[in-house]
Amino acid sequence: MADQRVEKLANCYTGVVHDVMRGMGRRNFTLPPTITPLQPDTTLAGPAFTIEGRIDETADPHETLLAWTGLLSKAKPGHVWCAQPHTHLVAQMGELSAETLHAKGVLGCVIDGALRDTNFIIRLGFPCWGTHHTPRDIVGVWLPTGTDVDIMIGEVLVRPGDWLHGDRDGMVCIPAEILDEVIEAAVAAMRTESLVRKAILEGIDPQEAYLKYGKF
């Protein structure tokens, strides 16, 4: 069931999903525009495996690497690695980590922070969203504080198992309890948009098309 929903959602685009959720009265579900795709042609959709952490410059390098590899071990196949590191100082995803997660069947990553080894990640084809790039890593300076916990990214609450959906336009978070309703409505809205597009191409006035189909 999860795989079918991943495919259905990935075939939608964030604009129509956004419009559906706005129409449902939802607010604060669009991630900040600073979080952008490393591979702009890539679409990412799936349930969130959430991570939170903090800077600790007194941490022992071995301690940080032990904690980081422990995070990688906990990552869930068929999920999106979603991190709130509470820092832009160090990268939260790099070559070996991306390779490990990709091999485990993790769908991609969304980070309110930095990426590194980006040429390798692009060649690997592991979808990544982040705010910027830096060569600095977590060794000796960053520790996780929780997994499968509620996190905030900008004004958006991301709970474990909520669904993330991103493309070139940005990223939205869909609460798990309304996922099926959102997917069904988004697919229907795309069908209606196709009818509007066809009407416009056939020369119908855009306002007339809007009034007829209730969509533009």
C-alpha atoms as a PDB file:
ATOM      1  CA  MET A   1       0.000   0.000   0.000  1.00  0.00           C
ATOM      2  CA  ALA A   2       2.785   2.439   0.921  1.00  0.00           C
ATOM      3  CA  ASP A   3       4.564   1.868  -2.391  1.00  0.00           C
ATOM      4  CA  GLN A   4       1.370   2.599  -4.345  1.00  0.00           C
ATOM      5  CA  ARG A   5       0.892   5.843  -2.431  1.00  0.00           C
ATOM      6  CA  VAL A   6       4.507   6.865  -3.047  1.00  0.00           C
ATOM      7  CA  GLU A   7       3.969   6.420  -6.782  1.00  0.00           C
ATOM      8  CA  LYS A   8       0.592   8.185  -6.804  1.00  0.00           C
ATOM      9  CA  LEU A   9       1.913  11.163  -4.856  1.00  0.00           C
ATOM     10  CA  ALA A  10       5.114  11.353  -6.892  1.00  0.00           C
ATOM     11  CA  ASN A  11       2.978  11.628 -10.036  1.00  0.00           C
ATOM     12  CA  CYS A  12       1.366  14.765  -8.603  1.00  0.00           C
ATOM     13  CA  TYR A  13       3.136  18.105  -8.317  1.00  0.00           C
ATOM     14  CA  THR A  14       3.500  20.228  -5.210  1.00  0.00           C
ATOM     15  CA  GLY A  15       1.397  23.076  -6.594  1.00  0.00           C
ATOM     16  CA  VAL A  16      -1.734  20.953  -6.864  1.00  0.00           C
ATOM     17  CA  VAL A  17      -1.102  19.275  -3.493  1.00  0.00           C
ATOM     18  CA  HIS A  18      -0.678  22.701  -1.930  1.00  0.00           C
ATOM     19  CA  ASP A  19      -3.938  23.933  -3.471  1.00  0.00           C
ATOM     20  CA  VAL A  20      -5.815  20.866  -2.241  1.00  0.00           C
ATOM     21  CA  MET A  21      -4.550  21.311   1.332  1.00  0.00           C
ATOM     22  CA  ARG A  22      -5.247  25.042   1.264  1.00  0.00           C
ATOM     23  CA  GLY A  23      -8.791  24.223   0.134  1.00  0.00           C
ATOM     24  CA  MET A  24      -9.104  21.865   3.109  1.00  0.00           C
ATOM     25  CA  GLY A  25      -8.344  24.769   5.441  1.00  0.00           C
ATOM     26  CA  ARG A  26      -4.850  23.574   6.307  1.00  0.00           C
ATOM     27  CA  ARG A  27      -2.120  26.072   7.200  1.00  0.00           C
ATOM     28  CA  ASN A  28       1.638  25.933   7.829  1.00  0.00           C
ATOM     29  CA  PHE A  29       2.404  22.888   5.703  1.00  0.00           C
ATOM     30  CA  THR A  30       4.855  24.367   3.173  1.00  0.00           C
ATOM     31  CA  LEU A  31       8.529  24.064   4.117  1.00  0.00           C
ATOM     32  CA  PRO A  32      10.662  27.240   3.920  1.00  0.00           C
ATOM     33  CA  PRO A  33      11.802  28.234   0.414  1.00  0.00           C
ATOM     34  CA  THR A  34      15.410  28.006   1.598  1.00  0.00           C
ATOM     35  CA  ILE A  35      15.054  24.202   1.447  1.00  0.00           C
ATOM     36  CA  THR A  36      15.672  23.342  -2.203  1.00  0.00           C
ATOM     37  CA  PRO A  37      16.368  20.156  -4.193  1.00  0.00           C
ATOM     38  CA  LEU A  38      19.947  19.227  -5.013  1.00  0.00           C
ATOM     39  CA  GLN A  39      18.549  17.533  -8.146  1.00  0.00           C
ATOM     40  CA  PRO A  40      15.801  19.918  -9.390  1.00  0.00           C
ATOM     41  CA  ASP A  41      14.301  17.373 -11.796  1.00  0.00           C
ATOM     42  CA  THR A  42      13.712  14.912  -8.954  1.00  0.00           C
ATOM     43  CA  THR A  43      10.418  14.343  -7.137  1.00  0.00           C
ATOM     44  CA  LEU A  44      10.485  12.938  -3.611  1.00  0.00           C
ATOM     45  CA  ALA A  45       7.486  11.502  -1.764  1.00  0.00           C
ATOM     46  CA  GLY A  46       7.219   9.317   1.308  1.00  0.00           C
ATOM     47  CA  PRO A  47       6.731   9.094   5.084  1.00  0.00           C
ATOM     48  CA  ALA A  48       9.169  10.918   7.341  1.00  0.00           C
ATOM     49  CA  PHE A  49      11.793   9.332   9.567  1.00  0.00           C
ATOM     50  CA  THR A  50      12.599  12.325  11.762  1.00  0.00           C
ATOM     51  CA  ILE A  51      15.918  13.280  13.360  1.00  0.00           C
ATOM     52  CA  GLU A  52      16.829  16.120  15.707  1.00  0.00           C
ATOM     53  CA  GLY A  53      20.213  17.190  17.022  1.00  0.00           C
ATOM     54  CA  ARG A  54      22.432  19.981  18.259  1.00  0.00           C
ATOM     55  CA  ILE A  55      25.917  21.411  18.149  1.00  0.00           C
ATOM     56  CA  ASP A  56      28.260  20.244  20.936  1.00  0.00           C
ATOM     57  CA  GLU A  57      31.793  21.456  20.318  1.00  0.00           C
ATOM     58  CA  THR A  58      33.029  19.600  23.401  1.00  0.00           C
ATOM     59  CA  ALA A  59      31.993  16.239  21.928  1.00  0.00           C
ATOM     60  CA  ASP A  60      34.627  13.608  21.298  1.00  0.00           C
ATOM     61  CA  PRO A  61      35.086  12.789  17.570  1.00  0.00           C
ATOM     62  CA  HIS A  62      34.593   9.081  18.275  1.00  0.00           C
ATOM     63  CA  GLU A  63      31.396   9.866  20.187  1.00  0.00           C
ATOM     64  CA  THR A  64      29.971  11.875  17.288  1.00  0.00           C
ATOM     65  CA  LEU A  65      30.801   9.212  14.707  1.00  0.00           C
ATOM     66  CA  LEU A  66      29.367   6.470  16.919  1.00  0.00           C
ATOM     67  CA  ALA A  67      26.151   8.462  17.310  1.00  0.00           C
ATOM     68  CA  TRP A  68      25.982   9.249  13.589  1.00  0.00           C
ATOM     69  CA  THR A  69      26.439   5.650  12.483  1.00  0.00           C
ATOM     70  CA  GLY A  70      23.791   4.711  15.035  1.00  0.00           C
ATOM     71  CA  LEU A  71      21.411   7.087  13.277  1.00  0.00           C
ATOM     72  CA  LEU A  72      22.147   5.451   9.939  1.00  0.00           C
ATOM     73  CA  SER A  73      21.429   2.048  11.472  1.00  0.00           C
ATOM     74  CA  LYS A  74      17.999   3.253  12.658  1.00  0.00           C
ATOM     75  CA  ALA A  75      16.954   4.675   9.278  1.00  0.00           C
ATOM     76  CA  LYS A  76      13.811   3.058   7.879  1.00  0.00           C
ATOM     77  CA  PRO A  77      13.534   1.690   4.334  1.00  0.00           C
ATOM     78  CA  GLY A  78      10.705   3.281   2.368  1.00  0.00           C
ATOM     79  CA  HIS A  79      10.964   6.489   4.407  1.00  0.00           C
ATOM     80  CA  VAL A  80      12.400   9.973   3.913  1.00  0.00           C
ATOM     81  CA  TRP A  81      15.263  10.979   6.221  1.00  0.00           C
ATOM     82  CA  CYS A  82      14.055  14.318   7.617  1.00  0.00           C
ATOM     83  CA  ALA A  83      16.393  16.257   9.916  1.00  0.00           C
ATOM     84  CA  GLN A  84      16.265  19.368  12.069  1.00  0.00           C
ATOM     85  CA  PRO A  85      19.927  19.708  13.115  1.00  0.00           C
ATOM     86  CA  HIS A  86      19.519  23.192  14.637  1.00  0.00           C
ATOM     87  CA  THR A  87      22.668  24.371  12.889  1.00  0.00           C
ATOM     88  CA  HIS A  88      23.903  25.449   9.483  1.00  0.00           C
ATOM     89  CA  LEU A  89      27.521  25.060  10.545  1.00  0.00           C
ATOM     90  CA  VAL A  90      28.117  21.469   9.406  1.00  0.00           C
ATOM     91  CA  ALA A  91      26.787  19.202   6.661  1.00  0.00           C
ATOM     92  CA  GLN A  92      24.149  16.664   7.634  1.00  0.00           C
ATOM     93  CA  MET A  93      24.470  14.439   4.570  1.00  0.00           C
ATOM     94  CA  GLY A  94      27.501  13.362   2.581  1.00  0.00           C
ATOM     95  CA  GLU A  95      28.901  10.622   0.363  1.00  0.00           C
ATOM     96  CA  LEU A  96      29.090   7.599   2.666  1.00  0.00           C
ATOM     97  CA  SER A  97      25.869   8.435   4.506  1.00  0.00           C
ATOM     98  CA  ALA A  98      23.940   8.869   1.259  1.00  0.00           C
ATOM     99  CA  GLU A  99      25.377   5.603  -0.064  1.00  0.00           C
ATOM    100  CA  THR A 100      24.364   3.799   3.135  1.00  0.00           C
ATOM    101  CA  LEU A 101      20.808   5.167   3.151  1.00  0.00           C
ATOM    102  CA  HIS A 102      20.354   4.546  -0.567  1.00  0.00           C
ATOM    103  CA  ALA A 103      21.435   0.910  -0.123  1.00  0.00           C
ATOM    104  CA  LYS A 104      18.974   0.531   2.776  1.00  0.00           C
ATOM    105  CA  GLY A 105      16.067   1.659   0.613  1.00  0.00           C
ATOM    106  CA  VAL A 106      15.633   5.106   2.155  1.00  0.00           C
ATOM    107  CA  LEU A 107      13.805   7.254  -0.406  1.00  0.00           C
ATOM    108  CA  GLY A 108      15.778  10.474   0.051  1.00  0.00           C
ATOM    109  CA  CYS A 109      16.538  13.181   2.587  1.00  0.00           C
ATOM    110  CA  VAL A 110      15.144  16.553   3.615  1.00  0.00           C
ATOM    111  CA  ILE A 111      17.395  18.632   5.860  1.00  0.00           C
ATOM    112  CA  ASP A 112      17.009  22.073   7.375  1.00  0.00           C
ATOM    113  CA  GLY A 113      20.748  22.364   6.956  1.00  0.00           C
ATOM    114  CA  ALA A 114      23.705  21.634   4.734  1.00  0.00           C
ATOM    115  CA  LEU A 115      24.796  18.928   2.295  1.00  0.00           C
ATOM    116  CA  ARG A 116      28.304  18.006   1.160  1.00  0.00           C
ATOM    117  CA  ASP A 117      29.893  15.639  -1.395  1.00  0.00           C
ATOM    118  CA  THR A 118      27.121  16.838  -3.661  1.00  0.00           C
ATOM    119  CA  ASN A 119      28.651  15.675  -6.959  1.00  0.00           C
ATOM    120  CA  PHE A 120      28.772  12.136  -5.601  1.00  0.00           C
ATOM    121  CA  ILE A 121      25.181  12.329  -4.328  1.00  0.00           C
ATOM    122  CA  ILE A 122      24.012  13.567  -7.727  1.00  0.00           C
ATOM    123  CA  ARG A 123      25.779  10.674  -9.472  1.00  0.00           C
ATOM    124  CA  LEU A 124      24.304   8.253  -6.930  1.00  0.00           C
ATOM    125  CA  GLY A 125      20.802   9.528  -7.664  1.00  0.00           C
ATOM    126  CA  PHE A 126      19.837   9.873  -3.998  1.00  0.00           C
ATOM    127  CA  PRO A 127      17.245  12.697  -3.793  1.00  0.00           C
ATOM    128  CA  CYS A 128      18.294  15.387  -1.330  1.00  0.00           C
ATOM    129  CA  TRP A 129      16.763  18.664  -0.200  1.00  0.00           C
ATOM    130  CA  GLY A 130      18.758  21.128   1.912  1.00  0.00           C
ATOM    131  CA  THR A 131      19.500  24.792   2.527  1.00  0.00           C
ATOM    132  CA  HIS A 132      23.119  25.068   1.351  1.00  0.00           C
ATOM    133  CA  HIS A 133      26.417  23.220   0.923  1.00  0.00           C
ATOM    134  CA  THR A 134      29.536  23.127   3.084  1.00  0.00           C
ATOM    135  CA  PRO A 135      32.587  20.838   3.276  1.00  0.00           C
ATOM    136  CA  ARG A 136      32.428  20.809   7.097  1.00  0.00           C
ATOM    137  CA  ASP A 137      31.158  17.589   8.685  1.00  0.00           C
ATOM    138  CA  ILE A 138      29.688  16.600  12.041  1.00  0.00           C
ATOM    139  CA  VAL A 139      32.841  15.032  13.518  1.00  0.00           C
ATOM    140  CA  GLY A 140      33.579  16.429  16.963  1.00  0.00           C
ATOM    141  CA  VAL A 141      30.851  19.092  16.818  1.00  0.00           C
ATOM    142  CA  TRP A 142      27.330  17.629  16.428  1.00  0.00           C
ATOM    143  CA  LEU A 143      25.235  15.009  18.226  1.00  0.00           C
ATOM    144  CA  PRO A 144      21.704  13.680  17.640  1.00  0.00           C
ATOM    145  CA  THR A 145      19.157  14.228  20.414  1.00  0.00           C
ATOM    146  CA  GLY A 146      16.256  12.163  19.073  1.00  0.00           C
ATOM    147  CA  THR A 147      14.763  10.033  16.312  1.00  0.00           C
ATOM    148  CA  ASP A 148      11.106   9.509  15.444  1.00  0.00           C
ATOM    149  CA  VAL A 149      10.258  12.718  17.298  1.00  0.00           C
ATOM    150  CA  ASP A 150       8.163  15.728  16.310  1.00  0.00           C
ATOM    151  CA  ILE A 151      10.326  18.402  14.689  1.00  0.00           C
ATOM    152  CA  MET A 152       9.707  21.922  13.425  1.00  0.00           C
ATOM    153  CA  ILE A 153      11.046  23.083  10.074  1.00  0.00           C
ATOM    154  CA  GLY A 154      10.232  26.753   9.814  1.00  0.00           C
ATOM    155  CA  GLU A 155       6.554  26.951  10.789  1.00  0.00           C
ATOM    156  CA  VAL A 156       5.866  23.368   9.726  1.00  0.00           C
ATOM    157  CA  LEU A 157       5.373  20.558  12.235  1.00  0.00           C
ATOM    158  CA  VAL A 158       6.719  17.270  10.866  1.00  0.00           C
ATOM    159  CA  ARG A 159       5.680  14.234  12.892  1.00  0.00           C
ATOM    160  CA  PRO A 160       7.111  10.735  12.434  1.00  0.00           C
ATOM    161  CA  GLY A 161       5.151   9.112   9.613  1.00  0.00           C
ATOM    162  CA  ASP A 162       3.778  12.347   8.150  1.00  0.00           C
ATOM    163  CA  TRP A 163       4.380  12.459   4.412  1.00  0.00           C
ATOM    164  CA  LEU A 164       6.764  14.780   2.588  1.00  0.00           C
ATOM    165  CA  HIS A 165       6.275  15.683  -1.060  1.00  0.00           C
ATOM    166  CA  GLY A 166       8.784  17.786  -2.951  1.00  0.00           C
ATOM    167  CA  ASP A 167       9.732  18.823  -6.464  1.00  0.00           C
ATOM    168  CA  ARG A 168      11.412  21.798  -8.156  1.00  0.00           C
ATOM    169  CA  ASP A 169       8.822  24.174  -6.668  1.00  0.00           C
ATOM    170  CA  GLY A 170       9.430  23.190  -3.042  1.00  0.00           C
ATOM    171  CA  MET A 171       8.297  20.786  -0.352  1.00  0.00           C
ATOM    172  CA  VAL A 172       5.044  20.244   1.541  1.00  0.00           C
ATOM    173  CA  CYS A 173       4.225  18.114   4.584  1.00  0.00           C
ATOM    174  CA  ILE A 174       1.004  16.079   4.574  1.00  0.00           C
ATOM    175  CA  PRO A 175      -0.322  14.814   7.921  1.00  0.00           C
ATOM    176  CA  ALA A 176      -0.542  11.029   7.765  1.00  0.00           C
ATOM    177  CA  GLU A 177      -4.214  10.958   8.755  1.00  0.00           C
ATOM    178  CA  ILE A 178      -5.311  12.931   5.665  1.00  0.00           C
ATOM    179  CA  LEU A 179      -2.854  11.439   3.146  1.00  0.00           C
ATOM    180  CA  ASP A 180      -5.326   9.282   1.218  1.00  0.00           C
ATOM    181  CA  GLU A 181      -7.832  12.138   1.020  1.00  0.00           C
ATOM    182  CA  VAL A 182      -5.146  14.534  -0.243  1.00  0.00           C
ATOM    183  CA  ILE A 183      -3.878  12.114  -2.896  1.00  0.00           C
ATOM    184  CA  GLU A 184      -7.398  11.406  -4.166  1.00  0.00           C
ATOM    185  CA  ALA A 185      -8.239  15.120  -4.322  1.00  0.00           C
ATOM    186  CA  ALA A 186      -4.914  15.996  -6.000  1.00  0.00           C
ATOM    187  CA  VAL A 187      -5.390  13.373  -8.708  1.00  0.00           C
ATOM    188  CA  ALA A 188      -8.936  14.672  -9.319  1.00  0.00           C
ATOM    189  CA  ALA A 189      -7.709  18.280  -9.436  1.00  0.00           C
ATOM    190  CA  MET A 190      -5.083  17.379 -12.033  1.00  0.00           C
ATOM    191  CA  ARG A 191      -7.804  15.831 -14.209  1.00  0.00           C
ATOM    192  CA  THR A 192      -9.813  19.052 -13.960  1.00  0.00           C
ATOM    193  CA  GLU A 193      -6.739  21.120 -14.806  1.00  0.00           C
ATOM    194  CA  SER A 194      -6.302  19.030 -17.938  1.00  0.00           C
ATOM    195  CA  LEU A 195      -9.851  19.932 -18.973  1.00  0.00           C
ATOM    196  CA  VAL A 196      -9.171  23.639 -18.332  1.00  0.00           C
ATOM    197  CA  ARG A 197      -5.934  23.449 -20.321  1.00  0.00           C
ATOM    198  CA  LYS A 198      -7.732  21.772 -23.220  1.00  0.00           C
ATOM    199  CA  ALA A 199     -10.475  24.437 -23.143  1.00  0.00           C
ATOM    200  CA  ILE A 200      -7.924  27.280 -23.183  1.00  0.00           C
ATOM    201  CA  LEU A 201      -6.067  25.719 -26.107  1.00  0.00           C
ATOM    202  CA  GLU A 202      -9.371  25.434 -27.954  1.00  0.00           C
ATOM    203  CA  GLY A 203      -9.874  29.178 -27.578  1.00  0.00           C
ATOM    204  CA  ILE A 204     -12.309  29.369 -24.660  1.00  0.00           C
ATOM    205  CA  ASP A 205     -11.979  32.559 -22.612  1.00  0.00           C
ATOM    206  CA  PRO A 206      -9.967  31.862 -19.408  1.00  0.00           C
ATOM    207  CA  GLN A 207     -12.647  33.342 -17.151  1.00  0.00           C
ATOM    208  CA  GLU A 208     -15.297  31.237 -18.863  1.00  0.00           C
ATOM    209  CA  ALA A 209     -13.122  28.159 -18.388  1.00  0.00           C
ATOM    210  CA  TYR A 210     -12.670  28.985 -14.706  1.00  0.00           C
ATOM    211  CA  LEU A 211     -16.388  29.482 -14.168  1.00  0.00           C
ATOM    212  CA  LYS A 212     -17.139  26.211 -15.952  1.00  0.00           C
ATOM    213  CA  TYR A 213     -14.609  24.026 -14.142  1.00  0.00           C
ATOM    214  CA  GLY A 214     -14.029  25.972 -10.914  1.00  0.00           C
ATOM    215  CA  LYS A 215     -10.263  25.673 -11.368  1.00  0.00           C
ATOM    216  CA  PHE A 216      -7.475  27.718 -12.913  1.00  0.00           C
END
